[in-house]
All heavy atoms as atom14 arrays in JSON, in Angstrom:
{
  "sequence": "LTACGYEVTPCMSRILRECDDEFVPPISHRINLVKMDGQQYFCDVGYG",
  "atom14_mask": [
    [1, 1, 1, 1, 1, 1, 1, 1, 0, 0, 0, 0, 0, 0],
    [1, 1, 1, 1, 1, 1, 1, 0, 0, 0, 0, 0, 0, 0],
    [1, 1, 1, 1, 1, 0, 0, 0, 0, 0, 0, 0, 0, 0],
    [1, 1, 1, 1, 1, 1, 0, 0, 0, 0, 0, 0, 0, 0],
    [1, 1, 1, 1, 0, 0, 0, 0, 0, 0, 0, 0, 0, 0],
    [1, 1, 1, 1, 1, 1, 1, 1, 1, 1, 1, 1, 0, 0],
    [1, 1, 1, 1, 1, 1, 1, 1, 1, 0, 0, 0, 0, 0],
    [1, 1, 1, 1, 1, 1, 1, 0, 0, 0, 0, 0, 0, 0],
    [1, 1, 1, 1, 1, 1, 1, 0, 0, 0, 0, 0, 0, 0],
    [1, 1, 1, 1, 1, 1, 1, 0, 0, 0, 0, 0, 0, 0],
    [1, 1, 1, 1, 1, 1, 0, 0, 0, 0, 0, 0, 0, 0],
    [1, 1, 1, 1, 1, 1, 1, 1, 0, 0, 0, 0, 0, 0],
    [1, 1, 1, 1, 1, 1, 0, 0, 0, 0, 0, 0, 0, 0],
    [1, 1, 1, 1, 1, 1, 1, 1, 1, 1, 1, 0, 0, 0],
    [1, 1, 1, 1, 1, 1, 1, 1, 0, 0, 0, 0, 0, 0],
    [1, 1, 1, 1, 1, 1, 1, 1, 0, 0, 0, 0, 0, 0],
    [1, 1, 1, 1, 1, 1, 1, 1, 1, 1, 1, 0, 0, 0],
    [1, 1, 1, 1, 1, 1, 1, 1, 1, 0, 0, 0, 0, 0],
    [1, 1, 1, 1, 1, 1, 0, 0, 0, 0, 0, 0, 0, 0],
    [1, 1, 1, 1, 1, 1, 1, 1, 0, 0, 0, 0, 0, 0],
    [1, 1, 1, 1, 1, 1, 1, 1, 0, 0, 0, 0, 0, 0],
    [1, 1, 1, 1, 1, 1, 1, 1, 1, 0, 0, 0, 0, 0],
    [1, 1, 1, 1, 1, 1, 1, 1, 1, 1, 1, 0, 0, 0],
    [1, 1, 1, 1, 1, 1, 1, 0, 0, 0, 0, 0, 0, 0],
    [1, 1, 1, 1, 1, 1, 1, 0, 0, 0, 0, 0, 0, 0],
    [1, 1, 1, 1, 1, 1, 1, 0, 0, 0, 0, 0, 0, 0],
    [1, 1, 1, 1, 1, 1, 1, 1, 0, 0, 0, 0, 0, 0],
    [1, 1, 1, 1, 1, 1, 0, 0, 0, 0, 0, 0, 0, 0],
    [1, 1, 1, 1, 1, 1, 1, 1, 1, 1, 0, 0, 0, 0],
    [1, 1, 1, 1, 1, 1, 1, 1, 1, 1, 1, 0, 0, 0],
    [1, 1, 1, 1, 1, 1, 1, 1, 0, 0, 0, 0, 0, 0],
    [1, 1, 1, 1, 1, 1, 1, 1, 0, 0, 0, 0, 0, 0],
    [1, 1, 1, 1, 1, 1, 1, 1, 0, 0, 0, 0, 0, 0],
    [1, 1, 1, 1, 1, 1, 1, 0, 0, 0, 0, 0, 0, 0],
    [1, 1, 1, 1, 1, 1, 1, 1, 1, 0, 0, 0, 0, 0],
    [1, 1, 1, 1, 1, 1, 1, 1, 0, 0, 0, 0, 0, 0],
    [1, 1, 1, 1, 1, 1, 1, 1, 0, 0, 0, 0, 0, 0],
    [1, 1, 1, 1, 0, 0, 0, 0, 0, 0, 0, 0, 0, 0],
    [1, 1, 1, 1, 1, 1, 1, 1, 1, 0, 0, 0, 0, 0],
    [1, 1, 1, 1, 1, 1, 1, 1, 1, 0, 0, 0, 0, 0],
    [1, 1, 1, 1, 1, 1, 1, 1, 1, 1, 1, 1, 0, 0],
    [1, 1, 1, 1, 1, 1, 1, 1, 1, 1, 1, 0, 0, 0],
    [1, 1, 1, 1, 1, 1, 0, 0, 0, 0, 0, 0, 0, 0],
    [1, 1, 1, 1, 1, 1, 1, 1, 0, 0, 0, 0, 0, 0],
    [1, 1, 1, 1, 1, 1, 1, 0, 0, 0, 0, 0, 0, 0],
    [1, 1, 1, 1, 0, 0, 0, 0, 0, 0, 0, 0, 0, 0],
    [1, 1, 1, 1, 1, 1, 1, 1, 1, 1, 1, 1, 0, 0],
    [1, 1, 1, 1, 0, 0, 0, 0, 0, 0, 0, 0, 0, 0]
  ],
  "atom14_positions": [
    [[0.78, -1.23, 0.05], [-0.05, 0.1, -0.02], [0.72, 1.29, -0.02], [0.57, 2.25, -0.74], [-0.97, 0.04, 1.13], [-2.01, -1.09, 1.22], [-2.84, -0.89, 2.49], [-3.01, -1.03, 0.01], [0.0, 0.0, 0.0], [0.0, 0.0, 0.0], [0.0, 0.0, 0.0], [0.0, 0.0, 0.0], [0.0, 0.0, 0.0], [0.0, 0.0, 0.0]],
    [[1.93, 1.21, 0.74], [2.8, 2.42, 0.77], [3.51, 2.68, -0.54], [3.63, 3.76, -1.04], [3.86, 2.22, 1.84], [3.25, 1.99, 3.2], [4.85, 3.4, 1.81], [0.0, 0.0, 0.0], [0.0, 0.0, 0.0], [0.0, 0.0, 0.0], [0.0, 0.0, 0.0], [0.0, 0.0, 0.0], [0.0, 0.0, 0.0], [0.0, 0.0, 0.0]],
    [[3.92, 1.56, -1.25], [4.5, 1.66, -2.63], [3.54, 2.1, -3.56], [3.87, 2.7, -4.53], [5.15, 0.27, -2.91], [0.0, 0.0, 0.0], [0.0, 0.0, 0.0], [0.0, 0.0, 0.0], [0.0, 0.0, 0.0], [0.0, 0.0, 0.0], [0.0, 0.0, 0.0], [0.0, 0.0, 0.0], [0.0, 0.0, 0.0], [0.0, 0.0, 0.0]],
    [[2.16, 1.96, -3.29], [1.16, 2.29, -4.24], [0.62, 3.76, -3.87], [-0.2, 4.31, -4.66], [-0.06, 1.36, -4.24], [0.32, -0.2, -4.91], [0.0, 0.0, 0.0], [0.0, 0.0, 0.0], [0.0, 0.0, 0.0], [0.0, 0.0, 0.0], [0.0, 0.0, 0.0], [0.0, 0.0, 0.0], [0.0, 0.0, 0.0], [0.0, 0.0, 0.0]],
    [[1.19, 4.5, -2.8], [0.95, 5.76, -2.57], [-0.13, 5.98, -1.47], [-0.56, 7.16, -1.25], [0.0, 0.0, 0.0], [0.0, 0.0, 0.0], [0.0, 0.0, 0.0], [0.0, 0.0, 0.0], [0.0, 0.0, 0.0], [0.0, 0.0, 0.0], [0.0, 0.0, 0.0], [0.0, 0.0, 0.0], [0.0, 0.0, 0.0], [0.0, 0.0, 0.0]],
    [[-0.41, 4.97, -0.68], [-1.37, 5.15, 0.4], [-0.58, 5.5, 1.66], [0.58, 5.17, 1.94], [-2.06, 3.93, 0.74], [-3.05, 3.42, -0.29], [-2.69, 2.57, -1.49], [-4.37, 3.98, -0.38], [-3.62, 2.23, -2.42], [-5.32, 3.55, -1.44], [-4.8, 2.71, -2.43], [-5.79, 2.39, -3.38], [0.0, 0.0, 0.0], [0.0, 0.0, 0.0]],
    [[-1.26, 6.2, 2.64], [-0.72, 6.48, 3.97], [-1.25, 5.44, 4.86], [-2.4, 5.34, 5.25], [-1.24, 7.94, 4.4], [-0.68, 8.28, 5.69], [-1.2, 9.76, 6.12], [-1.58, 10.51, 5.29], [-1.02, 10.0, 7.38], [0.0, 0.0, 0.0], [0.0, 0.0, 0.0], [0.0, 0.0, 0.0], [0.0, 0.0, 0.0], [0.0, 0.0, 0.0]],
    [[-0.32, 4.65, 5.34], [-0.58, 3.53, 6.28], [-0.17, 3.52, 7.59], [1.12, 3.98, 7.77], [-0.09, 2.11, 5.61], [-0.61, 0.92, 6.3], [-0.43, 2.01, 4.04], [0.0, 0.0, 0.0], [0.0, 0.0, 0.0], [0.0, 0.0, 0.0], [0.0, 0.0, 0.0], [0.0, 0.0, 0.0], [0.0, 0.0, 0.0], [0.0, 0.0, 0.0]],
    [[-1.01, 3.12, 8.5], [-0.64, 3.07, 9.98], [-0.77, 1.73, 10.57], [-1.99, 1.32, 10.51], [-1.42, 4.11, 10.84], [-1.07, 5.44, 10.28], [-0.9, 4.06, 12.3], [0.0, 0.0, 0.0], [0.0, 0.0, 0.0], [0.0, 0.0, 0.0], [0.0, 0.0, 0.0], [0.0, 0.0, 0.0], [0.0, 0.0, 0.0], [0.0, 0.0, 0.0]],
    [[0.12, 1.12, 11.0], [-0.12, -0.22, 11.65], [-0.68, -0.07, 13.03], [-0.25, 0.96, 13.77], [1.28, -0.91, 11.8], [2.28, 0.22, 11.7], [1.65, 1.29, 10.95], [0.0, 0.0, 0.0], [0.0, 0.0, 0.0], [0.0, 0.0, 0.0], [0.0, 0.0, 0.0], [0.0, 0.0, 0.0], [0.0, 0.0, 0.0], [0.0, 0.0, 0.0]],
    [[-1.62, -0.85, 13.53], [-2.28, -0.78, 14.7], [-2.47, -2.09, 15.48], [-2.39, -3.21, 14.75], [-3.64, -0.14, 14.62], [-3.67, 1.55, 14.03], [0.0, 0.0, 0.0], [0.0, 0.0, 0.0], [0.0, 0.0, 0.0], [0.0, 0.0, 0.0], [0.0, 0.0, 0.0], [0.0, 0.0, 0.0], [0.0, 0.0, 0.0], [0.0, 0.0, 0.0]],
    [[-2.67, -2.14, 16.76], [-2.74, -3.37, 17.45], [-4.22, -3.7, 17.74], [-5.06, -2.96, 17.84], [-2.02, -3.36, 18.72], [-0.47, -3.17, 18.61], [0.39, -3.21, 20.28], [2.05, -3.11, 19.66], [0.0, 0.0, 0.0], [0.0, 0.0, 0.0], [0.0, 0.0, 0.0], [0.0, 0.0, 0.0], [0.0, 0.0, 0.0], [0.0, 0.0, 0.0]],
    [[-4.53, -5.02, 18.02], [-5.87, -5.48, 18.14], [-5.92, -6.73, 19.09], [-4.95, -7.53, 19.2], [-6.49, -5.91, 16.76], [-7.75, -6.47, 16.8], [0.0, 0.0, 0.0], [0.0, 0.0, 0.0], [0.0, 0.0, 0.0], [0.0, 0.0, 0.0], [0.0, 0.0, 0.0], [0.0, 0.0, 0.0], [0.0, 0.0, 0.0], [0.0, 0.0, 0.0]],
    [[-7.09, -6.85, 19.76], [-7.43, -8.06, 20.52], [-8.46, -8.82, 19.73], [-9.4, -8.2, 19.21], [-7.81, -7.72, 21.86], [-7.13, -6.72, 22.56], [-7.83, -6.51, 24.03], [-7.23, -5.41, 24.7], [-6.26, -5.33, 25.5], [-5.66, -6.51, 25.74], [-5.77, -4.25, 26.02], [0.0, 0.0, 0.0], [0.0, 0.0, 0.0], [0.0, 0.0, 0.0]],
    [[-8.17, -10.25, 19.61], [-9.28, -10.97, 19.08], [-10.3, -11.37, 20.18], [-9.94, -12.04, 21.09], [-8.67, -12.3, 18.5], [-7.63, -11.91, 17.36], [-9.69, -13.11, 17.85], [-8.22, -11.0, 16.29], [0.0, 0.0, 0.0], [0.0, 0.0, 0.0], [0.0, 0.0, 0.0], [0.0, 0.0, 0.0], [0.0, 0.0, 0.0], [0.0, 0.0, 0.0]],
    [[-11.53, -10.91, 19.91], [-12.61, -11.29, 20.96], [-13.61, -12.26, 20.47], [-14.59, -12.73, 21.18], [-13.5, -9.94, 21.16], [-12.66, -8.71, 21.74], [-13.66, -7.62, 21.96], [-11.93, -9.12, 23.02], [0.0, 0.0, 0.0], [0.0, 0.0, 0.0], [0.0, 0.0, 0.0], [0.0, 0.0, 0.0], [0.0, 0.0, 0.0], [0.0, 0.0, 0.0]],
    [[-13.48, -12.79, 19.27], [-14.43, -13.77, 18.79], [-14.38, -15.05, 19.69], [-13.25, -15.59, 20.03], [-13.92, -14.29, 17.33], [-14.98, -15.02, 16.67], [-14.43, -15.5, 15.26], [-15.35, -16.16, 14.48], [-15.14, -17.06, 13.47], [-13.8, -16.91, 13.05], [-15.88, -17.74, 12.88], [0.0, 0.0, 0.0], [0.0, 0.0, 0.0], [0.0, 0.0, 0.0]],
    [[-15.51, -15.54, 19.96], [-15.7, -16.75, 21.02], [-15.19, -16.46, 22.3], [-14.88, -17.4, 23.14], [-15.1, -17.91, 20.34], [-15.59, -18.22, 18.98], [-14.95, -19.47, 18.41], [-14.05, -19.98, 19.09], [-15.44, -19.96, 17.33], [0.0, 0.0, 0.0], [0.0, 0.0, 0.0], [0.0, 0.0, 0.0], [0.0, 0.0, 0.0], [0.0, 0.0, 0.0]],
    [[-15.02, -15.16, 22.79], [-14.59, -14.83, 24.22], [-15.88, -14.28, 24.95], [-16.71, -13.69, 24.25], [-13.54, -13.67, 24.18], [-11.93, -14.18, 23.61], [0.0, 0.0, 0.0], [0.0, 0.0, 0.0], [0.0, 0.0, 0.0], [0.0, 0.0, 0.0], [0.0, 0.0, 0.0], [0.0, 0.0, 0.0], [0.0, 0.0, 0.0], [0.0, 0.0, 0.0]],
    [[-16.08, -14.73, 26.2], [-17.11, -14.25, 26.98], [-16.82, -12.77, 27.37], [-15.65, -12.27, 27.26], [-17.49, -15.15, 28.24], [-16.14, -15.27, 29.22], [-15.65, -14.23, 29.47], [-15.96, -16.49, 29.52], [0.0, 0.0, 0.0], [0.0, 0.0, 0.0], [0.0, 0.0, 0.0], [0.0, 0.0, 0.0], [0.0, 0.0, 0.0], [0.0, 0.0, 0.0]],
    [[-17.75, -12.13, 28.06], [-17.6, -10.77, 28.34], [-16.56, -10.44, 29.53], [-16.19, -9.22, 29.8], [-18.93, -10.15, 28.75], [-19.93, -10.07, 27.64], [-19.48, -10.01, 26.49], [-21.19, -10.17, 27.82], [0.0, 0.0, 0.0], [0.0, 0.0, 0.0], [0.0, 0.0, 0.0], [0.0, 0.0, 0.0], [0.0, 0.0, 0.0], [0.0, 0.0, 0.0]],
    [[-16.4, -11.51, 30.36], [-15.49, -11.36, 31.5], [-13.98, -11.5, 31.2], [-13.19, -11.22, 32.03], [-15.91, -12.37, 32.61], [-17.32, -12.06, 32.99], [-17.75, -13.06, 34.23], [-16.83, -13.93, 34.54], [-18.88, -12.85, 34.7], [0.0, 0.0, 0.0], [0.0, 0.0, 0.0], [0.0, 0.0, 0.0], [0.0, 0.0, 0.0], [0.0, 0.0, 0.0]],
    [[-13.68, -12.05, 30.05], [-12.27, -12.34, 29.68], [-11.76, -11.37, 28.68], [-12.44, -11.08, 27.76], [-12.21, -13.75, 29.12], [-10.87, -14.07, 28.57], [-9.83, -14.28, 29.48], [-10.5, -14.29, 27.17], [-8.45, -14.51, 29.03], [-9.21, -14.52, 26.76], [-8.22, -14.67, 27.74], [0.0, 0.0, 0.0], [0.0, 0.0, 0.0], [0.0, 0.0, 0.0]],
    [[-10.58, -10.76, 29.1], [-10.02, -9.73, 28.19], [-8.68, -10.35, 27.61], [-7.66, -10.61, 28.4], [-9.55, -8.46, 28.91], [-8.85, -7.45, 28.03], [-10.8, -7.78, 29.59], [0.0, 0.0, 0.0], [0.0, 0.0, 0.0], [0.0, 0.0, 0.0], [0.0, 0.0, 0.0], [0.0, 0.0, 0.0], [0.0, 0.0, 0.0], [0.0, 0.0, 0.0]],
    [[-8.84, -10.81, 26.42], [-7.64, -11.55, 25.71], [-6.41, -10.53, 25.43], [-6.67, -9.18, 25.35], [-8.2, -12.0, 24.52], [-9.37, -11.02, 24.09], [-9.99, -10.63, 25.45], [0.0, 0.0, 0.0], [0.0, 0.0, 0.0], [0.0, 0.0, 0.0], [0.0, 0.0, 0.0], [0.0, 0.0, 0.0], [0.0, 0.0, 0.0], [0.0, 0.0, 0.0]],
    [[-5.32, -10.93, 25.45], [-4.14, -10.17, 25.15], [-4.23, -9.62, 23.81], [-4.68, -10.14, 22.85], [-2.97, -11.05, 25.48], [-3.41, -12.39, 25.2], [-4.88, -12.44, 25.57], [0.0, 0.0, 0.0], [0.0, 0.0, 0.0], [0.0, 0.0, 0.0], [0.0, 0.0, 0.0], [0.0, 0.0, 0.0], [0.0, 0.0, 0.0], [0.0, 0.0, 0.0]],
    [[-3.41, -8.41, 23.58], [-3.13, -7.98, 22.26], [-2.47, -9.14, 21.42], [-1.36, -9.58, 21.78], [-2.41, -6.65, 22.1], [-3.3, -5.54, 22.79], [-1.93, -6.28, 20.71], [-2.64, -4.27, 23.04], [0.0, 0.0, 0.0], [0.0, 0.0, 0.0], [0.0, 0.0, 0.0], [0.0, 0.0, 0.0], [0.0, 0.0, 0.0], [0.0, 0.0, 0.0]],
    [[-2.95, -9.57, 20.31], [-2.32, -10.61, 19.6], [-2.56, -10.57, 18.05], [-2.38, -11.47, 17.33], [-2.96, -12.0, 19.99], [-4.36, -11.94, 19.73], [0.0, 0.0, 0.0], [0.0, 0.0, 0.0], [0.0, 0.0, 0.0], [0.0, 0.0, 0.0], [0.0, 0.0, 0.0], [0.0, 0.0, 0.0], [0.0, 0.0, 0.0], [0.0, 0.0, 0.0]],
    [[-2.95, -9.46, 17.63], [-3.26, -9.24, 16.1], [-2.76, -7.88, 15.6], [-2.89, -6.97, 16.42], [-4.71, -9.39, 15.91], [-5.24, -9.41, 14.49], [-4.8, -10.36, 13.57], [-5.97, -8.57, 13.89], [-5.35, -10.06, 12.47], [-6.12, -8.99, 12.58], [0.0, 0.0, 0.0], [0.0, 0.0, 0.0], [0.0, 0.0, 0.0], [0.0, 0.0, 0.0]],
    [[-2.33, -7.79, 14.42], [-2.13, -6.56, 13.79], [-3.03, -6.36, 12.73], [-3.46, -7.14, 11.86], [-0.66, -6.65, 13.18], [-0.43, -5.4, 12.26], [0.88, -5.42, 11.56], [0.98, -4.43, 10.49], [2.18, -3.87, 10.08], [3.26, -4.19, 10.56], [2.15, -2.87, 9.25], [0.0, 0.0, 0.0], [0.0, 0.0, 0.0], [0.0, 0.0, 0.0]],
    [[-3.57, -5.06, 12.57], [-4.44, -4.5, 11.39], [-3.65, -3.21, 10.85], [-2.54, -2.89, 11.35], [-5.69, -4.01, 11.97], [-5.6, -2.85, 12.87], [-6.52, -5.23, 12.58], [-6.88, -1.96, 12.88], [0.0, 0.0, 0.0], [0.0, 0.0, 0.0], [0.0, 0.0, 0.0], [0.0, 0.0, 0.0], [0.0, 0.0, 0.0], [0.0, 0.0, 0.0]],
    [[-4.18, -2.78, 9.82], [-3.59, -1.48, 9.22], [-4.82, -0.55, 9.08], [-6.05, -0.88, 8.82], [-3.02, -1.8, 7.8], [-1.93, -2.77, 7.77], [-0.98, -2.41, 8.53], [-1.77, -3.56, 6.89], [0.0, 0.0, 0.0], [0.0, 0.0, 0.0], [0.0, 0.0, 0.0], [0.0, 0.0, 0.0], [0.0, 0.0, 0.0], [0.0, 0.0, 0.0]],
    [[-4.48, 0.72, 9.37], [-5.38, 1.8, 9.0], [-4.76, 2.58, 7.91], [-3.52, 2.91, 7.83], [-5.55, 2.75, 10.16], [-6.24, 2.1, 11.53], [-6.46, 3.31, 12.58], [-7.51, 1.59, 11.14], [0.0, 0.0, 0.0], [0.0, 0.0, 0.0], [0.0, 0.0, 0.0], [0.0, 0.0, 0.0], [0.0, 0.0, 0.0], [0.0, 0.0, 0.0]],
    [[-5.66, 2.96, 7.02], [-5.34, 3.81, 5.84], [-6.01, 5.15, 5.82], [-7.24, 5.04, 6.04], [-5.63, 3.08, 4.47], [-5.25, 3.9, 3.22], [-4.61, 1.79, 4.36], [0.0, 0.0, 0.0], [0.0, 0.0, 0.0], [0.0, 0.0, 0.0], [0.0, 0.0, 0.0], [0.0, 0.0, 0.0], [0.0, 0.0, 0.0], [0.0, 0.0, 0.0]],
    [[-5.27, 6.2, 5.59], [-5.82, 7.5, 5.67], [-5.9, 8.15, 4.33], [-4.91, 8.05, 3.59], [-5.05, 8.46, 6.55], [-5.73, 9.72, 6.91], [-4.85, 10.64, 7.88], [-5.56, 11.88, 8.18], [-4.74, 12.62, 9.29], [0.0, 0.0, 0.0], [0.0, 0.0, 0.0], [0.0, 0.0, 0.0], [0.0, 0.0, 0.0], [0.0, 0.0, 0.0]],
    [[-7.05, 8.47, 3.85], [-7.39, 9.16, 2.62], [-8.32, 10.35, 2.76], [-9.33, 10.16, 3.49], [-7.98, 8.14, 1.45], [-7.11, 7.13, 1.16], [-7.77, 6.12, -0.2], [-8.96, 5.27, 0.79], [0.0, 0.0, 0.0], [0.0, 0.0, 0.0], [0.0, 0.0, 0.0], [0.0, 0.0, 0.0], [0.0, 0.0, 0.0], [0.0, 0.0, 0.0]],
    [[-8.01, 11.45, 2.25], [-8.84, 12.65, 2.35], [-9.32, 12.86, 3.75], [-10.57, 13.33, 3.98], [-10.04, 12.45, 1.52], [-9.66, 12.36, -0.05], [-8.67, 13.0, -0.41], [-10.37, 11.49, -0.76], [0.0, 0.0, 0.0], [0.0, 0.0, 0.0], [0.0, 0.0, 0.0], [0.0, 0.0, 0.0], [0.0, 0.0, 0.0], [0.0, 0.0, 0.0]],
    [[-8.4, 12.75, 4.76], [-8.83, 13.02, 6.07], [-9.52, 12.0, 6.88], [-9.81, 12.01, 8.0], [0.0, 0.0, 0.0], [0.0, 0.0, 0.0], [0.0, 0.0, 0.0], [0.0, 0.0, 0.0], [0.0, 0.0, 0.0], [0.0, 0.0, 0.0], [0.0, 0.0, 0.0], [0.0, 0.0, 0.0], [0.0, 0.0, 0.0], [0.0, 0.0, 0.0]],
    [[-9.9, 10.91, 6.17], [-10.58, 9.73, 6.69], [-9.78, 8.55, 6.9], [-9.18, 8.13, 5.89], [-11.87, 9.54, 5.95], [-12.67, 8.31, 6.35], [-13.39, 8.44, 7.7], [-14.12, 9.49, 7.97], [-13.11, 7.68, 8.67], [0.0, 0.0, 0.0], [0.0, 0.0, 0.0], [0.0, 0.0, 0.0], [0.0, 0.0, 0.0], [0.0, 0.0, 0.0]],
    [[-9.83, 7.84, 8.12], [-9.15, 6.63, 8.31], [-10.04, 5.42, 8.01], [-11.26, 5.44, 8.22], [-8.73, 6.54, 9.72], [-7.51, 7.3, 10.06], [-6.85, 7.11, 11.32], [-7.56, 7.07, 12.43], [-5.51, 6.78, 11.47], [0.0, 0.0, 0.0], [0.0, 0.0, 0.0], [0.0, 0.0, 0.0], [0.0, 0.0, 0.0], [0.0, 0.0, 0.0]],
    [[-9.34, 4.38, 7.42], [-10.17, 3.18, 7.02], [-9.46, 1.85, 7.69], [-8.29, 1.76, 7.71], [-10.14, 2.97, 5.48], [-11.01, 4.09, 4.75], [-10.37, 5.27, 4.35], [-12.26, 3.88, 4.37], [-11.05, 6.37, 3.75], [-12.99, 4.78, 3.68], [-12.37, 6.07, 3.4], [-13.12, 6.97, 2.75], [0.0, 0.0, 0.0], [0.0, 0.0, 0.0]],
    [[-10.33, 1.05, 8.17], [-9.82, -0.23, 8.67], [-9.48, -1.08, 7.48], [-10.45, -1.27, 6.64], [-10.96, -0.8, 9.57], [-10.69, -2.18, 10.01], [-10.06, -2.48, 11.28], [-11.09, -3.26, 9.16], [-9.92, -3.79, 11.59], [-10.91, -4.56, 9.66], [-10.29, -4.88, 10.89], [0.0, 0.0, 0.0], [0.0, 0.0, 0.0], [0.0, 0.0, 0.0]],
    [[-8.54, -1.75, 7.47], [-7.92, -2.73, 6.52], [-7.32, -3.97, 7.09], [-6.53, -3.8, 8.1], [-7.0, -2.04, 5.5], [-7.55, -0.57, 4.74], [0.0, 0.0, 0.0], [0.0, 0.0, 0.0], [0.0, 0.0, 0.0], [0.0, 0.0, 0.0], [0.0, 0.0, 0.0], [0.0, 0.0, 0.0], [0.0, 0.0, 0.0], [0.0, 0.0, 0.0]],
    [[-7.74, -5.13, 6.7], [-7.12, -6.45, 7.26], [-7.14, -7.45, 6.21], [-8.17, -7.88, 5.79], [-7.95, -6.79, 8.47], [-7.22, -7.82, 9.3], [-6.32, -8.53, 8.91], [-7.63, -8.05, 10.49], [0.0, 0.0, 0.0], [0.0, 0.0, 0.0], [0.0, 0.0, 0.0], [0.0, 0.0, 0.0], [0.0, 0.0, 0.0], [0.0, 0.0, 0.0]],
    [[-5.98, -8.01, 5.94], [-5.81, -9.09, 5.05], [-5.12, -10.38, 5.72], [-4.74, -11.27, 5.18], [-4.97, -8.75, 3.81], [-5.58, -7.75, 2.98], [-3.57, -8.42, 4.12], [0.0, 0.0, 0.0], [0.0, 0.0, 0.0], [0.0, 0.0, 0.0], [0.0, 0.0, 0.0], [0.0, 0.0, 0.0], [0.0, 0.0, 0.0], [0.0, 0.0, 0.0]],
    [[-5.04, -10.25, 7.17], [-4.42, -11.26, 7.84], [-5.07, -11.89, 8.97], [-4.45, -12.4, 10.0], [0.0, 0.0, 0.0], [0.0, 0.0, 0.0], [0.0, 0.0, 0.0], [0.0, 0.0, 0.0], [0.0, 0.0, 0.0], [0.0, 0.0, 0.0], [0.0, 0.0, 0.0], [0.0, 0.0, 0.0], [0.0, 0.0, 0.0], [0.0, 0.0, 0.0]],
    [[-6.37, -12.01, 8.84], [-7.23, -12.55, 9.94], [-7.75, -13.86, 9.43], [-8.49, -13.86, 8.44], [-8.21, -11.69, 10.55], [-9.12, -12.38, 11.58], [-8.55, -12.9, 12.75], [-10.48, -12.39, 11.49], [-9.31, -13.52, 13.7], [-11.19, -13.13, 12.33], [-10.7, -13.6, 13.58], [-11.46, -14.06, 14.49], [0.0, 0.0, 0.0], [0.0, 0.0, 0.0]],
    [[-7.56, -15.03, 10.12], [-8.04, -16.26, 9.65], [-9.5, -16.63, 9.85], [-9.86, -17.77, 10.25], [0.0, 0.0, 0.0], [0.0, 0.0, 0.0], [0.0, 0.0, 0.0], [0.0, 0.0, 0.0], [0.0, 0.0, 0.0], [0.0, 0.0, 0.0], [0.0, 0.0, 0.0], [0.0, 0.0, 0.0], [0.0, 0.0, 0.0], [0.0, 0.0, 0.0]]
  ]
}
């Protein structure tokens, strides 16, 4: 994305799928945010 001209910010994430409300899982995932025209966008190609 950077090579194609996008402004990219890596960010951290917790996977909450199949977790109950009382359990806080550790940060274990990376996503990317892309900024265009002042707006940030969630982007992810690495979640199974």
